[in-house]
Amino acid sequence: MLWLAVAIAAIVYCRHYSDDASGIALYVEAARCMLDGKALQTCNSFYTYPPIFALVTVPLIPMPLVLQNLIWYALTLGGLGGCLTLSARLAQRVVAAPLTPVEQRWLYAIGTLLSLKFIFATIASQNYDVVVVLLILVGLMRLTEDQPRSSIWAGVAFGCAAALKATPLAFMPYLLFKRQYRGAAAMAVALVVTSVLPDLAFTLGRAASEGSYLLAWLHQVAAPALTENMQNSPHAFWWATNTNNNSLRGLVGMFIPDDAPSFKATLYAVYAAYVLIVAFLIGRSGHARSALTIDGALLLISMLMLSPMSSESHYVALTLPIFAVTALSLKGDADLRLIARYFLVVSFILINAAARDIVGITMTTWAKDHRLLVIDVLLFLVPFALLVLRPERTSQSNRGLDSVTAVVGKRTAAGSSLPDFAAYIRSSALRPSSSASASAKIRRNRPHGPD
């Protein structure tokens, strides 16, 4: 009952939170256009989503608006619950020791609190990014399973997510880099099959002049967004100067307008630098238990940063990074725990600096103008970089200890009848407190007076 009350309150609150959310009405209108055999972007230029989503909303057409909204909110809340649950499960992989029940409750509470602004934005705008994020999290969970077909099902989930929204294509090179070849093949098949379904379903009875739904979307939406060609898009929505654009493109637009001669070169340089940093971190994450969560969080962040347009409602993809850092703050190493806690405080301030119901319209406008949300997301790279780079320092220390014990072992074996002194050094290094107490005990038992 508590969750039901919270869900109803969130929906009521979000009705005033959003001023002009088209959401479900736009999807149903696109589905109706598809049934009528019309081109989607010609029918409504504001529908810039892949045609597959218009197809899946066809069953909603005969329903009244009240029932459409009821079904949509039920699916959205269910998807959000799934995202939070899977994010919490994946986040616990970044810490060595399992979380206690009390710590798990804190993980859910803090993670949900920090994600609340994006949860509200998703409900208010009625976008379907929660479905995309849920599919990605399901795919990541399948990769954690040690089963022969787990990578295949993970690839299917990633492929369906990429068909609904292009940015999950980032998982294709990741699967190939991690040598998940079956998963990459399954992702490619799922992507192609899902993307061409609208054309397969409405080929008969459709005028040849209308062409393919998929090819029309690639030509009128995807290609102009990737090539910075605003003129060839019926509805260009990714202007860098748009203060609601919380991607790297929007960050560059804070300094350079879209039509400036240096805009493209600067944007591509920023993209390249960002991709190199993320690729380096993923390459160093290795195959440890925490690697999959770290990689997944970095790729979800990259989906937001590399997209031509990322609004607050898209930031539901940040749930896994938020929960992962929260887990570090609860049960990470002592130094990482402190850094994670300070980071969460700063992140909470930056995230809610644009929450107009908390800080007012003036502060919200200033925060959007200065892209505080983008800065916050880029800062998320720091705790993951620390988490990735720490094992290398540990392994270097272990190699140093191995060389010392090897030298001592050779010397004791050559000229001493003492026991395995090298093994003793190793065990003592692993138990510093015991060695210290033993030394103190020897000093206490030593007789006083001259030697």
Protein backbone atom coordinates (compact mmCIF):
# COMPACT_ATOMS: atom_id res chain seq x y z
CA MET A 1 0.00 0.00 0.00
CA LEU A 2 2.88 2.35 0.74
CA TRP A 3 4.34 1.89 -2.76
CA LEU A 4 0.89 2.42 -4.28
CA ALA A 5 0.45 5.68 -2.35
CA VAL A 6 3.90 6.87 -3.42
CA ALA A 7 3.16 5.98 -7.06
CA ILE A 8 -0.15 7.86 -7.08
CA ALA A 9 1.43 10.87 -5.38
CA ALA A 10 4.27 10.87 -7.92
CA ILE A 11 1.82 10.84 -10.84
CA VAL A 12 -0.28 13.66 -9.35
CA TYR A 13 2.85 15.69 -8.62
CA CYS A 14 4.26 15.13 -12.09
CA ARG A 15 1.11 16.43 -13.72
CA HIS A 16 2.06 19.89 -12.53
CA TYR A 17 5.78 19.23 -12.89
CA SER A 18 5.51 19.06 -16.69
CA ASP A 19 4.00 21.93 -18.63
CA ASP A 20 3.66 20.50 -22.11
CA ALA A 21 4.34 16.75 -22.07
CA SER A 22 2.92 15.19 -25.21
CA GLY A 23 4.05 11.67 -24.41
CA ILE A 24 1.44 9.03 -25.03
CA ALA A 25 -0.65 11.25 -27.32
CA LEU A 26 2.30 11.64 -29.70
CA TYR A 27 3.02 7.90 -29.73
CA VAL A 28 -0.61 7.02 -30.45
CA GLU A 29 -0.80 9.63 -33.19
CA ALA A 30 2.29 8.11 -34.83
CA ALA A 31 0.75 4.65 -34.55
CA ARG A 32 -2.41 5.91 -36.21
CA CYS A 33 -0.35 7.44 -39.02
CA MET A 34 1.36 4.09 -39.49
CA LEU A 35 -2.00 2.35 -39.79
CA ASP A 36 -3.06 4.94 -42.37
CA GLY A 37 0.10 4.28 -44.41
CA LYS A 38 1.53 7.78 -43.89
CA ALA A 39 5.17 8.68 -43.37
CA LEU A 40 5.77 9.32 -39.68
CA GLN A 41 7.86 12.49 -39.92
CA THR A 42 5.50 13.92 -42.55
CA CYS A 43 2.45 13.12 -40.44
CA ASN A 44 3.96 14.70 -37.31
CA SER A 45 7.44 16.18 -37.44
CA PHE A 46 7.72 16.04 -33.64
CA TYR A 47 7.80 12.24 -33.75
CA THR A 48 11.54 11.66 -34.06
CA TYR A 49 11.67 8.21 -32.46
CA PRO A 50 12.41 4.96 -34.31
CA PRO A 51 9.33 3.57 -36.10
CA ILE A 52 9.28 0.40 -33.99
CA PHE A 53 7.81 2.31 -31.05
CA ALA A 54 4.92 3.54 -33.17
CA LEU A 55 4.24 -0.09 -34.01
CA VAL A 56 4.16 -1.27 -30.39
CA THR A 57 1.68 1.48 -29.45
CA VAL A 58 -0.84 0.44 -32.13
CA PRO A 59 -2.92 -1.56 -29.57
CA LEU A 60 -3.55 1.69 -27.64
CA ILE A 61 -5.32 3.42 -30.56
CA PRO A 62 -8.93 2.24 -29.86
CA MET A 63 -8.65 2.97 -26.12
CA PRO A 64 -9.88 6.19 -24.50
CA LEU A 65 -7.22 8.64 -23.31
CA VAL A 66 -7.87 7.81 -19.65
CA LEU A 67 -7.16 4.13 -20.22
CA GLN A 68 -4.13 4.95 -22.37
CA ASN A 69 -2.65 7.01 -19.55
CA LEU A 70 -3.49 4.36 -16.96
CA ILE A 71 -1.69 1.66 -18.94
CA TRP A 72 1.24 3.95 -19.66
CA TYR A 73 1.74 4.97 -16.03
CA ALA A 74 1.45 1.35 -14.89
CA LEU A 75 4.15 0.31 -17.37
CA THR A 76 6.33 3.29 -16.43
CA LEU A 77 6.11 2.65 -12.68
CA GLY A 78 6.74 -1.06 -13.20
CA GLY A 79 9.76 -0.26 -15.37
CA LEU A 80 11.10 2.19 -12.79
CA GLY A 81 10.76 -0.42 -10.08
CA GLY A 82 12.67 -2.88 -12.23
CA CYS A 83 15.41 -0.33 -12.95
CA LEU A 84 15.89 0.47 -9.26
CA THR A 85 15.92 -3.20 -8.26
CA LEU A 86 18.40 -4.30 -10.93
CA SER A 87 20.59 -1.24 -10.32
CA ALA A 88 20.79 -2.13 -6.63
CA ARG A 89 21.71 -5.75 -7.41
CA LEU A 90 24.39 -4.77 -9.91
CA ALA A 91 25.73 -2.03 -7.63
CA GLN A 92 26.53 -4.52 -4.88
CA ARG A 93 29.11 -6.12 -7.16
CA VAL A 94 31.47 -3.16 -6.77
CA VAL A 95 32.13 -3.96 -3.09
CA ALA A 96 33.98 -7.04 -1.87
CA ALA A 97 31.82 -7.92 1.14
CA PRO A 98 28.05 -8.43 0.81
CA LEU A 99 25.83 -5.70 2.17
CA THR A 100 23.86 -6.37 5.33
CA PRO A 101 20.05 -6.00 5.22
CA VAL A 102 20.36 -2.60 6.90
CA GLU A 103 22.97 -1.47 4.37
CA GLN A 104 20.77 -2.70 1.52
CA ARG A 105 17.91 -0.56 2.81
CA TRP A 106 20.27 2.43 2.92
CA LEU A 107 21.37 1.62 -0.64
CA TYR A 108 17.78 1.70 -1.89
CA ALA A 109 16.93 4.82 0.11
CA ILE A 110 19.94 6.91 -0.92
CA GLY A 111 19.99 5.66 -4.51
CA THR A 112 16.29 6.35 -4.98
CA LEU A 113 16.57 9.79 -3.35
CA LEU A 114 19.37 10.83 -5.70
CA SER A 115 17.44 9.44 -8.70
CA LEU A 116 14.14 11.02 -7.68
CA LYS A 117 14.46 14.09 -9.91
CA PHE A 118 14.99 11.91 -12.99
CA ILE A 119 12.19 9.55 -11.95
CA PHE A 120 9.79 12.47 -11.75
CA ALA A 121 11.02 13.83 -15.10
CA THR A 122 10.44 10.44 -16.74
CA ILE A 123 6.92 10.16 -15.38
CA ALA A 124 6.10 13.75 -16.29
CA SER A 125 7.35 13.68 -19.87
CA GLN A 126 5.88 10.22 -20.56
CA ASN A 127 8.97 9.15 -22.48
CA TYR A 128 9.93 5.50 -22.83
CA ASP A 129 13.61 5.70 -21.83
CA VAL A 130 12.77 3.65 -18.76
CA VAL A 131 12.04 0.71 -21.08
CA VAL A 132 15.41 1.16 -22.80
CA VAL A 133 17.30 1.36 -19.51
CA LEU A 134 15.44 -1.67 -18.15
CA LEU A 135 16.43 -3.73 -21.19
CA ILE A 136 20.07 -2.72 -20.74
CA LEU A 137 20.04 -3.62 -17.05
CA VAL A 138 18.44 -6.98 -17.88
CA GLY A 139 21.22 -7.56 -20.42
CA LEU A 140 23.89 -6.71 -17.84
CA MET A 141 22.31 -9.08 -15.34
CA ARG A 142 22.34 -11.88 -17.92
CA LEU A 143 26.06 -11.28 -18.49
CA THR A 144 26.66 -11.91 -14.78
CA GLU A 145 25.27 -15.44 -15.15
CA ASP A 146 27.65 -18.26 -15.90
CA GLN A 147 25.37 -20.00 -18.39
CA PRO A 148 26.07 -20.92 -22.04
CA ARG A 149 23.20 -18.86 -23.44
CA SER A 150 23.41 -15.91 -21.06
CA SER A 151 25.44 -13.77 -23.45
CA ILE A 152 22.95 -14.51 -26.24
CA TRP A 153 19.98 -13.30 -24.20
CA ALA A 154 22.02 -10.29 -23.09
CA GLY A 155 22.68 -9.46 -26.73
CA VAL A 156 18.98 -9.77 -27.53
CA ALA A 157 18.16 -7.31 -24.73
CA PHE A 158 20.82 -4.85 -25.92
CA GLY A 159 19.63 -5.20 -29.53
CA CYS A 160 16.01 -4.44 -28.62
CA ALA A 161 17.17 -1.43 -26.60
CA ALA A 162 19.21 -0.16 -29.55
CA ALA A 163 16.21 -0.55 -31.86
CA LEU A 164 14.13 1.64 -29.53
CA LYS A 165 16.88 4.24 -29.04
CA ALA A 166 20.09 4.39 -31.04
CA THR A 167 22.50 5.21 -28.20
CA PRO A 168 22.62 1.62 -26.77
CA LEU A 169 24.61 0.76 -29.90
CA ALA A 170 27.59 1.56 -27.65
CA PHE A 171 27.21 -1.96 -26.25
CA MET A 172 28.10 -3.55 -29.61
CA PRO A 173 31.82 -2.64 -29.59
CA TYR A 174 31.86 -3.40 -25.88
CA LEU A 175 30.67 -6.97 -26.44
CA LEU A 176 33.24 -7.43 -29.18
CA PHE A 177 36.03 -6.01 -27.00
CA LYS A 178 35.09 -8.36 -24.16
CA ARG A 179 35.04 -11.26 -26.65
CA GLN A 180 31.34 -11.88 -26.15
CA TYR A 181 30.99 -12.77 -29.81
CA ARG A 182 27.74 -14.69 -29.45
CA GLY A 183 26.24 -11.80 -27.56
CA ALA A 184 27.37 -9.34 -30.23
CA ALA A 185 25.89 -11.52 -32.98
CA ALA A 186 22.60 -11.85 -31.07
CA MET A 187 22.52 -8.09 -30.56
CA ALA A 188 22.99 -7.47 -34.30
CA VAL A 189 20.23 -9.91 -35.23
CA ALA A 190 17.81 -8.52 -32.63
CA LEU A 191 18.54 -4.96 -33.75
CA VAL A 192 17.90 -5.68 -37.43
CA VAL A 193 14.80 -7.82 -36.91
CA THR A 194 13.20 -5.37 -34.45
CA SER A 195 14.00 -2.35 -36.62
CA VAL A 196 12.44 -3.77 -39.80
CA LEU A 197 9.27 -5.06 -38.11
CA PRO A 198 7.21 -1.95 -39.01
CA ASP A 199 8.15 -2.34 -42.68
CA LEU A 200 7.37 -6.06 -42.59
CA ALA A 201 4.02 -5.48 -40.89
CA PHE A 202 2.80 -2.69 -43.23
CA THR A 203 4.33 -3.60 -46.59
CA LEU A 204 1.04 -4.79 -48.10
CA GLY A 205 -1.33 -2.05 -49.17
CA ARG A 206 1.23 0.72 -48.75
CA ALA A 207 2.09 3.00 -51.65
CA ALA A 208 5.53 2.38 -53.09
CA SER A 209 6.24 6.12 -53.05
CA GLU A 210 6.07 6.18 -49.27
CA GLY A 211 9.21 4.07 -48.99
CA SER A 212 10.51 2.35 -45.87
CA TYR A 213 9.72 3.58 -42.37
CA LEU A 214 13.20 2.63 -41.21
CA LEU A 215 15.00 4.25 -44.13
CA ALA A 216 12.91 7.41 -43.77
CA TRP A 217 13.86 7.65 -40.08
CA LEU A 218 17.54 7.08 -40.88
CA HIS A 219 17.45 9.76 -43.58
CA GLN A 220 15.35 12.38 -41.81
CA VAL A 221 16.40 11.97 -38.16
CA ALA A 222 19.45 9.80 -37.53
CA ALA A 223 21.71 10.97 -40.37
CA PRO A 224 21.16 14.73 -39.84
CA ALA A 225 21.80 14.32 -36.11
CA LEU A 226 25.07 12.48 -36.71
CA THR A 227 26.31 14.71 -39.54
CA GLU A 228 25.26 18.05 -38.00
CA ASN A 229 22.89 18.68 -40.91
CA MET A 230 20.03 20.68 -39.45
CA GLN A 231 18.48 21.62 -42.80
CA ASN A 232 17.58 18.06 -43.82
CA SER A 233 15.57 17.28 -40.69
CA PRO A 234 11.84 18.16 -40.48
CA HIS A 235 12.27 18.76 -36.77
CA ALA A 236 15.80 19.51 -35.53
CA PHE A 237 15.62 19.08 -31.77
CA TRP A 238 19.29 18.78 -30.83
CA TRP A 239 20.43 22.41 -30.87
CA ALA A 240 23.53 22.80 -28.71
CA THR A 241 22.37 26.17 -27.44
CA ASN A 242 19.17 24.63 -26.08
CA THR A 243 19.53 24.86 -22.28
CA ASN A 244 17.61 21.59 -21.93
CA ASN A 245 20.30 19.76 -23.90
CA ASN A 246 22.29 18.01 -21.16
CA SER A 247 24.82 16.21 -23.34
CA LEU A 248 28.37 16.97 -24.41
CA ARG A 249 26.87 18.75 -27.38
CA GLY A 250 24.97 21.02 -25.01
CA LEU A 251 28.14 21.61 -22.97
CA VAL A 252 30.01 22.74 -26.09
CA GLY A 253 27.03 24.88 -27.05
CA MET A 254 27.42 26.78 -23.80
CA PHE A 255 30.60 28.31 -25.28
CA ILE A 256 30.18 28.01 -29.06
CA PRO A 257 26.88 28.34 -31.00
CA ASP A 258 25.84 25.68 -33.52
CA ASP A 259 26.46 27.86 -36.57
CA ALA A 260 29.98 28.92 -35.56
CA PRO A 261 32.77 27.71 -37.90
CA SER A 262 34.66 26.10 -35.02
CA PHE A 263 31.66 24.26 -33.56
CA LYS A 264 32.05 20.93 -35.40
CA ALA A 265 35.79 20.66 -34.82
CA THR A 266 35.41 21.46 -31.13
CA LEU A 267 32.52 19.05 -30.66
CA TYR A 268 34.32 16.16 -32.37
CA ALA A 269 37.47 16.85 -30.33
CA VAL A 270 35.44 16.71 -27.12
CA TYR A 271 33.76 13.50 -28.28
CA ALA A 272 37.14 11.94 -29.08
CA ALA A 273 38.66 12.88 -25.72
CA TYR A 274 35.66 11.52 -23.85
CA VAL A 275 35.61 8.23 -25.81
CA LEU A 276 39.33 7.72 -25.19
CA ILE A 277 38.89 8.19 -21.44
CA VAL A 278 35.94 5.79 -21.23
CA ALA A 279 37.66 3.23 -23.48
CA PHE A 280 40.77 3.38 -21.27
CA LEU A 281 38.73 2.79 -18.10
CA ILE A 282 36.80 -0.10 -19.64
CA GLY A 283 40.02 -1.59 -20.91
CA ARG A 284 41.51 -1.43 -17.41
CA SER A 285 38.44 -2.80 -15.62
CA GLY A 286 39.51 -6.34 -16.48
CA HIS A 287 37.37 -9.34 -15.55
CA ALA A 288 36.89 -8.79 -11.83
CA ARG A 289 33.50 -9.18 -10.20
CA SER A 290 33.02 -5.41 -10.22
CA ALA A 291 34.04 -4.98 -13.88
CA LEU A 292 30.60 -5.57 -15.39
CA THR A 293 28.94 -2.99 -13.15
CA ILE A 294 31.68 -0.45 -13.81
CA ASP A 295 31.53 -1.01 -17.57
CA GLY A 296 27.73 -0.87 -17.62
CA ALA A 297 27.69 2.36 -15.62
CA LEU A 298 30.27 3.97 -17.92
CA LEU A 299 28.33 2.96 -21.03
CA LEU A 300 25.06 4.28 -19.61
CA ILE A 301 26.78 7.58 -18.85
CA SER A 302 28.17 7.57 -22.40
CA MET A 303 24.68 7.12 -23.81
CA LEU A 304 23.73 10.42 -22.18
CA MET A 305 26.90 12.29 -23.05
CA LEU A 306 27.26 11.21 -26.69
CA SER A 307 23.59 11.60 -27.60
CA PRO A 308 22.82 14.66 -29.76
CA MET A 309 20.13 15.56 -27.23
CA SER A 310 19.74 14.43 -23.61
CA SER A 311 17.02 15.94 -21.47
CA GLU A 312 16.41 15.38 -17.75
CA SER A 313 13.88 12.63 -18.49
CA HIS A 314 16.60 10.64 -20.27
CA TYR A 315 18.71 10.71 -17.12
CA VAL A 316 16.89 7.73 -15.68
CA ALA A 317 19.89 5.95 -17.24
CA LEU A 318 21.93 7.36 -14.35
CA THR A 319 20.34 5.01 -11.81
CA LEU A 320 23.08 2.35 -12.05
CA PRO A 321 25.98 4.83 -11.64
CA ILE A 322 24.19 6.44 -8.69
CA PHE A 323 23.55 3.12 -6.96
CA ALA A 324 27.11 1.93 -7.62
CA VAL A 325 28.67 4.99 -5.99
CA THR A 326 26.18 4.68 -3.14
CA ALA A 327 27.31 1.08 -2.56
CA LEU A 328 30.91 2.31 -2.45
CA SER A 329 29.95 4.89 0.17
CA LEU A 330 28.42 2.15 2.32
CA LYS A 331 30.95 -0.67 2.07
CA GLY A 332 33.92 0.35 -0.03
CA ASP A 333 37.49 0.65 1.18
CA ALA A 334 37.99 3.32 3.82
CA ASP A 335 39.44 5.96 1.48
CA LEU A 336 37.00 5.20 -1.36
CA ARG A 337 34.10 5.24 1.08
CA LEU A 338 34.98 8.78 2.17
CA ILE A 339 35.44 10.00 -1.41
CA ALA A 340 32.13 8.42 -2.46
CA ARG A 341 30.27 10.11 0.40
CA TYR A 342 31.63 13.54 -0.45
CA PHE A 343 30.84 12.89 -4.09
CA LEU A 344 27.22 11.98 -3.35
CA VAL A 345 26.73 15.21 -1.43
CA VAL A 346 28.13 17.25 -4.33
CA SER A 347 26.07 15.24 -6.82
CA PHE A 348 22.87 15.84 -4.84
CA ILE A 349 23.53 19.59 -4.91
CA LEU A 350 24.29 19.67 -8.63
CA ILE A 351 21.32 17.47 -9.55
CA ASN A 352 18.80 19.49 -7.56
CA ALA A 353 20.26 22.88 -8.47
CA ALA A 354 17.88 22.77 -11.45
CA ALA A 355 14.84 21.54 -9.48
CA ARG A 356 12.54 24.51 -9.76
CA ASP A 357 10.21 23.33 -7.00
CA ILE A 358 13.14 23.35 -4.56
CA VAL A 359 15.35 26.29 -5.55
CA GLY A 360 13.00 28.43 -7.62
CA ILE A 361 12.94 29.46 -11.27
CA THR A 362 15.90 31.87 -11.08
CA MET A 363 18.33 29.28 -9.73
CA THR A 364 16.95 26.67 -12.11
CA THR A 365 17.59 28.92 -15.11
CA TRP A 366 21.14 29.63 -13.95
CA ALA A 367 21.84 25.92 -13.41
CA LYS A 368 20.57 25.03 -16.89
CA ASP A 369 22.50 27.86 -18.51
CA HIS A 370 25.71 26.57 -16.93
CA ARG A 371 24.97 22.85 -17.61
CA LEU A 372 25.44 21.78 -13.99
CA LEU A 373 23.77 18.46 -14.76
CA VAL A 374 26.34 17.66 -17.46
CA ILE A 375 29.17 18.58 -15.10
CA ASP A 376 27.71 16.30 -12.45
CA VAL A 377 27.54 13.35 -14.86
CA LEU A 378 31.12 13.89 -16.03
CA LEU A 379 32.24 13.88 -12.39
CA PHE A 380 30.82 10.35 -12.11
CA LEU A 381 33.86 9.22 -14.10
CA VAL A 382 36.08 10.05 -11.10
CA PRO A 383 34.91 7.39 -8.59
CA PHE A 384 34.84 4.74 -11.31
CA ALA A 385 38.36 5.72 -12.40
CA LEU A 386 39.57 5.39 -8.81
CA LEU A 387 37.86 2.02 -8.54
CA VAL A 388 39.45 0.79 -11.77
CA LEU A 389 42.96 2.07 -11.09
CA ARG A 390 43.23 0.86 -7.49
CA PRO A 391 43.72 -2.86 -8.31
CA GLU A 392 46.78 -1.99 -10.40
CA ARG A 393 48.40 -0.27 -7.43
CA THR A 394 47.56 -3.27 -5.26
CA SER A 395 49.01 -5.72 -7.73
CA GLN A 396 52.21 -3.66 -7.95
CA SER A 397 52.54 -3.82 -4.16
CA ASN A 398 52.04 -7.58 -4.26
CA ARG A 399 54.71 -7.93 -6.95
CA GLY A 400 57.10 -5.91 -4.78
CA LEU A 401 56.38 -8.18 -1.82
CA ASP A 402 56.95 -11.24 -4.00
CA SER A 403 60.40 -10.00 -5.03
CA VAL A 404 61.42 -9.27 -1.44
CA THR A 405 60.28 -12.63 -0.14
CA ALA A 406 61.96 -14.40 -3.06
CA VAL A 407 65.31 -12.81 -2.21
CA VAL A 408 64.98 -13.61 1.48
CA GLY A 409 63.88 -17.14 0.64
CA LYS A 410 66.98 -17.73 -1.47
CA ARG A 411 69.30 -16.45 1.25
CA THR A 412 67.72 -18.48 4.02
CA ALA A 413 67.72 -21.60 1.87
CA ALA A 414 71.40 -21.12 1.02
CA GLY A 415 72.85 -20.42 4.46
CA SER A 416 70.38 -20.92 7.26
CA SER A 417 68.56 -23.73 9.03
CA LEU A 418 65.70 -21.44 9.99
CA PRO A 419 62.19 -22.41 8.86
CA ASP A 420 60.73 -20.96 5.67
CA PHE A 421 61.47 -17.37 6.52
CA ALA A 422 60.02 -16.09 3.23
CA ALA A 423 56.67 -17.66 4.01
CA TYR A 424 56.82 -16.10 7.45
CA ILE A 425 57.39 -12.66 5.95
CA ARG A 426 54.43 -13.15 3.61
CA SER A 427 52.11 -14.24 6.40
CA SER A 428 53.31 -11.39 8.58
CA ALA A 429 52.67 -8.88 5.79
CA LEU A 430 49.16 -10.17 5.42
CA ARG A 431 48.61 -9.86 9.19
CA PRO A 432 50.28 -6.61 10.24
CA SER A 433 48.29 -6.27 13.45
CA SER A 434 49.37 -9.74 14.60
CA SER A 435 53.01 -8.98 13.87
CA ALA A 436 52.81 -5.73 15.77
CA SER A 437 51.26 -7.41 18.79
CA ALA A 438 53.87 -10.17 18.70
CA SER A 439 56.67 -7.61 18.67
CA ALA A 440 55.12 -5.78 21.58
CA LYS A 441 54.87 -9.05 23.50
CA ILE A 442 58.59 -9.80 22.91
CA ARG A 443 59.53 -6.36 24.18
CA ARG A 444 57.45 -6.85 27.31
CA ASN A 445 59.07 -10.26 28.02
CA ARG A 446 62.62 -9.03 27.41
CA PRO A 447 64.58 -8.77 30.71
CA HIS A 448 65.73 -5.31 31.78
CA GLY A 449 69.37 -4.41 32.07
CA PRO A 450 72.32 -4.40 29.73
CA ASP A 451 72.57 -7.02 27.02
